[in-house]
């Protein structure tokens, strides 16, 4: 199991990044917020989860261990794979997810792309007794700030989660006021606001 890696960022996309580990480039899938919080050339430490399938090995990277723990916990629910688990971590912080499951907030859970009413009920039923472990698992090492290109990152993140370019652009329009009002708003907050606007 690869649980953590430290290296130089060689490339970044909307939902992925490549970390150079002394000449060995490792590509990892990540949330748009994690991708938005790093820059090419900088040194990073990422918390990772390796998903092993019959035909592939896929590495997922997170800015903080609590996000990785949430990602892995969500996959323990029946019928939930890494793509939906990554969407959960993109929409909720670990604490927000814990609260939504603990209070059986199905409306909040169905905001996640790919989770309908039945999937939300399954998450509550199967994870209600397990989510307590996520309490207090926050504490990211630095908060990713929204650079001037926040719109590109949010749009790419939404498209990476399966939304059309048209829907992603409309969601960016709806959160543009937040970014203008406070240029230091983290990409993660803008992305979550955009996702919530799409769920309405």
C-alpha atoms as a PDB file:
ATOM      1  CA  UNK A   1       0.000   0.000   0.000  1.00  0.00           C
ATOM      2  CA  UNK A   2       1.355   3.432  -0.954  1.00  0.00           C
ATOM      3  CA  UNK A   3       0.090   5.702   1.834  1.00  0.00           C
ATOM      4  CA  UNK A   4       2.112   8.879   1.259  1.00  0.00           C
ATOM      5  CA  UNK A   5       4.554  10.388  -1.199  1.00  0.00           C
ATOM      6  CA  UNK A   6       6.724  13.479  -1.314  1.00  0.00           C
ATOM      7  CA  UNK A   7       8.185  14.938  -4.476  1.00  0.00           C
ATOM      8  CA  UNK A   8       8.170  17.751  -7.012  1.00  0.00           C
ATOM      9  CA  UNK A   9       5.017  18.463  -9.012  1.00  0.00           C
ATOM     10  CA  UNK A  10       5.825  17.794 -12.671  1.00  0.00           C
ATOM     11  CA  UNK A  11       2.365  18.380 -14.196  1.00  0.00           C
ATOM     12  CA  UNK A  12      -1.169  19.227 -13.056  1.00  0.00           C
ATOM     13  CA  UNK A  13      -4.597  18.743 -14.647  1.00  0.00           C
ATOM     14  CA  UNK A  14      -8.136  19.354 -13.439  1.00  0.00           C
ATOM     15  CA  UNK A  15      -8.364  16.060 -11.534  1.00  0.00           C
ATOM     16  CA  UNK A  16      -4.836  14.635 -11.679  1.00  0.00           C
ATOM     17  CA  UNK A  17      -1.206  15.466 -11.045  1.00  0.00           C
ATOM     18  CA  UNK A  18       2.207  13.959 -11.720  1.00  0.00           C
ATOM     19  CA  UNK A  19       4.778  13.914  -8.935  1.00  0.00           C
ATOM     20  CA  UNK A  20       8.463  13.501  -9.795  1.00  0.00           C
ATOM     21  CA  UNK A  21      10.080  11.173  -7.271  1.00  0.00           C
ATOM     22  CA  UNK A  22      13.778  11.595  -8.137  1.00  0.00           C
ATOM     23  CA  UNK A  23      13.216  10.954 -11.841  1.00  0.00           C
ATOM     24  CA  UNK A  24      10.265   8.582 -11.424  1.00  0.00           C
ATOM     25  CA  UNK A  25       7.025  10.298 -12.478  1.00  0.00           C
ATOM     26  CA  UNK A  26       3.964   9.014 -10.643  1.00  0.00           C
ATOM     27  CA  UNK A  27       0.514  10.066 -11.881  1.00  0.00           C
ATOM     28  CA  UNK A  28      -2.241  10.256  -9.276  1.00  0.00           C
ATOM     29  CA  UNK A  29      -5.910  11.129  -9.599  1.00  0.00           C
ATOM     30  CA  UNK A  30      -7.066  13.782  -7.157  1.00  0.00           C
ATOM     31  CA  UNK A  31      -9.885  16.154  -6.280  1.00  0.00           C
ATOM     32  CA  UNK A  32     -10.027  19.491  -8.106  1.00  0.00           C
ATOM     33  CA  UNK A  33      -9.228  21.207  -4.801  1.00  0.00           C
ATOM     34  CA  UNK A  34      -6.026  19.187  -4.379  1.00  0.00           C
ATOM     35  CA  UNK A  35      -5.007  19.901  -7.985  1.00  0.00           C
ATOM     36  CA  UNK A  36      -5.802  23.590  -7.487  1.00  0.00           C
ATOM     37  CA  UNK A  37      -3.655  23.759  -4.361  1.00  0.00           C
ATOM     38  CA  UNK A  38      -0.358  22.815  -6.025  1.00  0.00           C
ATOM     39  CA  UNK A  39       1.895  24.407  -8.622  1.00  0.00           C
ATOM     40  CA  UNK A  40       4.266  22.828 -11.123  1.00  0.00           C
ATOM     41  CA  UNK A  41       7.788  22.796  -9.715  1.00  0.00           C
ATOM     42  CA  UNK A  42       6.868  22.933  -6.022  1.00  0.00           C
ATOM     43  CA  UNK A  43       7.594  20.238  -3.456  1.00  0.00           C
ATOM     44  CA  UNK A  44       4.493  18.492  -2.075  1.00  0.00           C
ATOM     45  CA  UNK A  45       3.560  15.749   0.349  1.00  0.00           C
ATOM     46  CA  UNK A  46       0.369  13.899  -0.579  1.00  0.00           C
ATOM     47  CA  UNK A  47      -1.615  11.247   1.250  1.00  0.00           C
ATOM     48  CA  UNK A  48      -2.503   8.437  -1.105  1.00  0.00           C
ATOM     49  CA  UNK A  49      -4.688   5.397  -1.616  1.00  0.00           C
ATOM     50  CA  UNK A  50      -3.842   2.694  -4.149  1.00  0.00           C
ATOM     51  CA  UNK A  51      -6.864   1.062  -5.793  1.00  0.00           C
ATOM     52  CA  UNK A  52      -6.027  -2.352  -7.238  1.00  0.00           C
ATOM     53  CA  UNK A  53      -8.195  -3.813  -9.984  1.00  0.00           C
ATOM     54  CA  UNK A  54      -7.724  -6.867 -12.164  1.00  0.00           C
ATOM     55  CA  UNK A  55      -6.529  -4.732 -15.074  1.00  0.00           C
ATOM     56  CA  UNK A  56      -5.164  -1.609 -13.379  1.00  0.00           C
ATOM     57  CA  UNK A  57      -3.408   0.040 -10.450  1.00  0.00           C
ATOM     58  CA  UNK A  58      -4.736   3.550  -9.812  1.00  0.00           C
ATOM     59  CA  UNK A  59      -3.255   5.940  -7.276  1.00  0.00           C
ATOM     60  CA  UNK A  60      -5.485   8.609  -5.688  1.00  0.00           C
ATOM     61  CA  UNK A  61      -3.863  11.554  -3.905  1.00  0.00           C
ATOM     62  CA  UNK A  62      -5.223  13.883  -1.227  1.00  0.00           C
ATOM     63  CA  UNK A  63      -3.999  17.038   0.481  1.00  0.00           C
ATOM     64  CA  UNK A  64      -4.783  15.691   3.946  1.00  0.00           C
ATOM     65  CA  UNK A  65      -5.060  12.240   5.537  1.00  0.00           C
ATOM     66  CA  UNK A  66      -8.691  12.820   6.562  1.00  0.00           C
ATOM     67  CA  UNK A  67      -9.718  13.081   2.906  1.00  0.00           C
ATOM     68  CA  UNK A  68      -7.962   9.808   2.123  1.00  0.00           C
ATOM     69  CA  UNK A  69      -9.652   8.126   5.091  1.00  0.00           C
ATOM     70  CA  UNK A  70     -13.052   9.408   3.922  1.00  0.00           C
ATOM     71  CA  UNK A  71     -12.337   8.189   0.364  1.00  0.00           C
ATOM     72  CA  UNK A  72     -11.504   4.706   1.645  1.00  0.00           C
ATOM     73  CA  UNK A  73     -14.464   4.588   4.055  1.00  0.00           C
ATOM     74  CA  UNK A  74     -16.977   5.513   1.337  1.00  0.00           C
ATOM     75  CA  UNK A  75     -15.749   2.611  -0.803  1.00  0.00           C
ATOM     76  CA  UNK A  76     -16.590   0.171   1.981  1.00  0.00           C
ATOM     77  CA  UNK A  77     -20.284   0.766   1.190  1.00  0.00           C
ATOM     78  CA  UNK A  78     -21.885  -1.727  -1.196  1.00  0.00           C
ATOM     79  CA  UNK A  79     -21.712  -0.702  -4.839  1.00  0.00           C
ATOM     80  CA  UNK A  80     -19.518   2.378  -4.292  1.00  0.00           C
ATOM     81  CA  UNK A  81     -16.301   2.531  -6.302  1.00  0.00           C
ATOM     82  CA  UNK A  82     -13.385   4.957  -6.347  1.00  0.00           C
ATOM     83  CA  UNK A  83     -14.962   7.358  -8.865  1.00  0.00           C
ATOM     84  CA  UNK A  84     -17.979   8.060  -6.653  1.00  0.00           C
ATOM     85  CA  UNK A  85     -15.789   8.057  -3.535  1.00  0.00           C
ATOM     86  CA  UNK A  86     -13.623  10.750  -5.145  1.00  0.00           C
ATOM     87  CA  UNK A  87     -16.772  12.738  -5.969  1.00  0.00           C
ATOM     88  CA  UNK A  88     -17.825  12.499  -2.300  1.00  0.00           C
ATOM     89  CA  UNK A  89     -14.471  13.914  -1.174  1.00  0.00           C
ATOM     90  CA  UNK A  90     -14.781  16.664  -3.809  1.00  0.00           C
ATOM     91  CA  UNK A  91     -18.198  17.733  -2.505  1.00  0.00           C
ATOM     92  CA  UNK A  92     -17.715  17.254   1.255  1.00  0.00           C
ATOM     93  CA  UNK A  93     -14.928  17.762   3.750  1.00  0.00           C
ATOM     94  CA  UNK A  94     -14.533  14.666   5.968  1.00  0.00           C
ATOM     95  CA  UNK A  95     -16.359  16.442   8.801  1.00  0.00           C
ATOM     96  CA  UNK A  96     -19.224  17.519   6.513  1.00  0.00           C
ATOM     97  CA  UNK A  97     -19.591  13.951   5.245  1.00  0.00           C
ATOM     98  CA  UNK A  98     -19.554  12.583   8.787  1.00  0.00           C
ATOM     99  CA  UNK A  99     -22.280  15.021   9.806  1.00  0.00           C
ATOM    100  CA  UNK A 100     -24.414  14.269   6.719  1.00  0.00           C
ATOM    101  CA  UNK A 101     -24.289  10.508   7.308  1.00  0.00           C
ATOM    102  CA  UNK A 102     -24.712  10.738  11.086  1.00  0.00           C
ATOM    103  CA  UNK A 103     -27.816  12.929  10.695  1.00  0.00           C
ATOM    104  CA  UNK A 104     -29.136  10.879   7.738  1.00  0.00           C
ATOM    105  CA  UNK A 105     -29.192  14.015   5.571  1.00  0.00           C
ATOM    106  CA  UNK A 106     -30.167  12.328   2.303  1.00  0.00           C
ATOM    107  CA  UNK A 107     -30.693  15.664   0.528  1.00  0.00           C
ATOM    108  CA  UNK A 108     -27.066  16.634   1.147  1.00  0.00           C
ATOM    109  CA  UNK A 109     -25.742  13.213   0.125  1.00  0.00           C
ATOM    110  CA  UNK A 110     -27.614  13.252  -3.193  1.00  0.00           C
ATOM    111  CA  UNK A 111     -25.664  16.394  -4.191  1.00  0.00           C
ATOM    112  CA  UNK A 112     -22.781  14.071  -5.018  1.00  0.00           C
ATOM    113  CA  UNK A 113     -22.692  13.204  -8.742  1.00  0.00           C
ATOM    114  CA  UNK A 114     -23.610   9.537  -9.127  1.00  0.00           C
ATOM    115  CA  UNK A 115     -25.448   9.180  -5.803  1.00  0.00           C
ATOM    116  CA  UNK A 116     -29.229   9.019  -5.966  1.00  0.00           C
ATOM    117  CA  UNK A 117     -31.768   8.521  -3.181  1.00  0.00           C
ATOM    118  CA  UNK A 118     -31.090   4.780  -2.870  1.00  0.00           C
ATOM    119  CA  UNK A 119     -27.325   5.280  -2.842  1.00  0.00           C
ATOM    120  CA  UNK A 120     -27.664   7.936  -0.138  1.00  0.00           C
ATOM    121  CA  UNK A 121     -29.807   5.588   1.969  1.00  0.00           C
ATOM    122  CA  UNK A 122     -27.204   2.838   1.536  1.00  0.00           C
ATOM    123  CA  UNK A 123     -24.398   5.174   2.665  1.00  0.00           C
ATOM    124  CA  UNK A 124     -26.346   6.100   5.799  1.00  0.00           C
ATOM    125  CA  UNK A 125     -27.316   2.498   6.567  1.00  0.00           C
ATOM    126  CA  UNK A 126     -23.844   1.022   6.062  1.00  0.00           C
ATOM    127  CA  UNK A 127     -21.612   3.862   7.302  1.00  0.00           C
ATOM    128  CA  UNK A 128     -23.561   5.437  10.171  1.00  0.00           C
ATOM    129  CA  UNK A 129     -21.637   3.426  12.775  1.00  0.00           C
ATOM    130  CA  UNK A 130     -18.285   3.962  11.054  1.00  0.00           C
ATOM    131  CA  UNK A 131     -18.184   7.708  10.320  1.00  0.00           C
ATOM    132  CA  UNK A 132     -17.308   8.688  13.894  1.00  0.00           C
ATOM    133  CA  UNK A 133     -13.704   7.882  12.991  1.00  0.00           C
ATOM    134  CA  UNK A 134     -13.729  10.869  10.610  1.00  0.00           C
ATOM    135  CA  UNK A 135     -14.415  13.374  13.409  1.00  0.00           C
ATOM    136  CA  UNK A 136     -11.599  15.854  13.743  1.00  0.00           C
ATOM    137  CA  UNK A 137      -9.700  14.411  10.793  1.00  0.00           C
ATOM    138  CA  UNK A 138      -9.278  17.806   9.145  1.00  0.00           C
ATOM    139  CA  UNK A 139      -6.213  19.975   9.360  1.00  0.00           C
ATOM    140  CA  UNK A 140      -4.854  20.388   5.871  1.00  0.00           C
ATOM    141  CA  UNK A 141      -1.268  21.559   5.615  1.00  0.00           C
ATOM    142  CA  UNK A 142      -2.029  24.950   4.129  1.00  0.00           C
ATOM    143  CA  UNK A 143      -5.273  25.962   2.458  1.00  0.00           C
ATOM    144  CA  UNK A 144      -5.211  26.077  -1.333  1.00  0.00           C
ATOM    145  CA  UNK A 145      -6.076  29.580  -2.434  1.00  0.00           C
ATOM    146  CA  UNK A 146      -7.914  30.407  -5.601  1.00  0.00           C
ATOM    147  CA  UNK A 147      -5.512  31.828  -8.169  1.00  0.00           C
ATOM    148  CA  UNK A 148      -6.689  34.138 -10.910  1.00  0.00           C
ATOM    149  CA  UNK A 149      -7.484  31.056 -13.006  1.00  0.00           C
ATOM    150  CA  UNK A 150      -9.971  29.640 -10.485  1.00  0.00           C
ATOM    151  CA  UNK A 151     -12.623  29.360 -13.189  1.00  0.00           C
ATOM    152  CA  UNK A 152     -10.539  26.977 -15.307  1.00  0.00           C
ATOM    153  CA  UNK A 153      -9.826  24.794 -12.282  1.00  0.00           C
ATOM    154  CA  UNK A 154     -13.446  24.672 -11.123  1.00  0.00           C
ATOM    155  CA  UNK A 155     -14.701  23.970 -14.646  1.00  0.00           C
ATOM    156  CA  UNK A 156     -12.097  21.225 -15.179  1.00  0.00           C
ATOM    157  CA  UNK A 157     -12.988  19.729 -11.813  1.00  0.00           C
ATOM    158  CA  UNK A 158     -16.703  19.645 -12.616  1.00  0.00           C
ATOM    159  CA  UNK A 159     -16.020  18.120 -16.026  1.00  0.00           C
ATOM    160  CA  UNK A 160     -13.792  15.544 -14.340  1.00  0.00           C
ATOM    161  CA  UNK A 161     -16.734  14.615 -12.126  1.00  0.00           C
ATOM    162  CA  UNK A 162     -18.898  14.012 -15.198  1.00  0.00           C
ATOM    163  CA  UNK A 163     -20.711  17.318 -15.761  1.00  0.00           C
ATOM    164  CA  UNK A 164     -21.006  18.751 -19.266  1.00  0.00           C
ATOM    165  CA  UNK A 165     -18.983  21.826 -20.237  1.00  0.00           C
ATOM    166  CA  UNK A 166     -22.218  23.814 -20.486  1.00  0.00           C
ATOM    167  CA  UNK A 167     -23.315  22.872 -16.948  1.00  0.00           C
ATOM    168  CA  UNK A 168     -19.810  23.497 -15.611  1.00  0.00           C
ATOM    169  CA  UNK A 169     -19.702  26.972 -17.177  1.00  0.00           C
ATOM    170  CA  UNK A 170     -23.154  27.796 -15.760  1.00  0.00           C
ATOM    171  CA  UNK A 171     -22.035  26.707 -12.283  1.00  0.00           C
ATOM    172  CA  UNK A 172     -18.894  28.869 -12.592  1.00  0.00           C
ATOM    173  CA  UNK A 173     -21.104  31.842 -13.492  1.00  0.00           C
ATOM    174  CA  UNK A 174     -23.149  31.247 -10.332  1.00  0.00           C
ATOM    175  CA  UNK A 175     -20.089  31.312  -8.036  1.00  0.00           C
ATOM    176  CA  UNK A 176     -18.207  34.100  -9.839  1.00  0.00           C
ATOM    177  CA  UNK A 177     -19.601  36.622  -7.349  1.00  0.00           C
ATOM    178  CA  UNK A 178     -17.954  34.745  -4.461  1.00  0.00           C
ATOM    179  CA  UNK A 179     -14.582  34.837  -6.208  1.00  0.00           C
ATOM    180  CA  UNK A 180     -14.906  38.554  -7.031  1.00  0.00           C
ATOM    181  CA  UNK A 181     -16.035  39.450  -3.521  1.00  0.00           C
ATOM    182  CA  UNK A 182     -13.109  37.607  -1.952  1.00  0.00           C
ATOM    183  CA  UNK A 183     -10.246  36.815  -4.378  1.00  0.00           C
ATOM    184  CA  UNK A 184      -8.605  34.653  -1.670  1.00  0.00           C
ATOM    185  CA  UNK A 185     -11.511  32.185  -1.586  1.00  0.00           C
ATOM    186  CA  UNK A 186     -10.013  28.663  -1.806  1.00  0.00           C
ATOM    187  CA  UNK A 187     -10.716  26.684  -4.974  1.00  0.00           C
ATOM    188  CA  UNK A 188     -12.215  23.930  -2.788  1.00  0.00           C
ATOM    189  CA  UNK A 189     -14.903  26.288  -1.469  1.00  0.00           C
ATOM    190  CA  UNK A 190     -15.712  27.599  -4.949  1.00  0.00           C
ATOM    191  CA  UNK A 191     -15.951  24.040  -6.255  1.00  0.00           C
ATOM    192  CA  UNK A 192     -18.274  22.943  -3.446  1.00  0.00           C
ATOM    193  CA  UNK A 193     -20.465  25.992  -4.031  1.00  0.00           C
ATOM    194  CA  UNK A 194     -20.582  25.171  -7.756  1.00  0.00           C
ATOM    195  CA  UNK A 195     -21.540  21.563  -7.028  1.00  0.00           C
ATOM    196  CA  UNK A 196     -24.303  22.683  -4.692  1.00  0.00           C
ATOM    197  CA  UNK A 197     -25.660  25.017  -7.347  1.00  0.00           C
ATOM    198  CA  UNK A 198     -25.822  22.110  -9.806  1.00  0.00           C
ATOM    199  CA  UNK A 199     -27.657  19.933  -7.287  1.00  0.00           C
ATOM    200  CA  UNK A 200     -30.534  22.438  -6.935  1.00  0.00           C
END
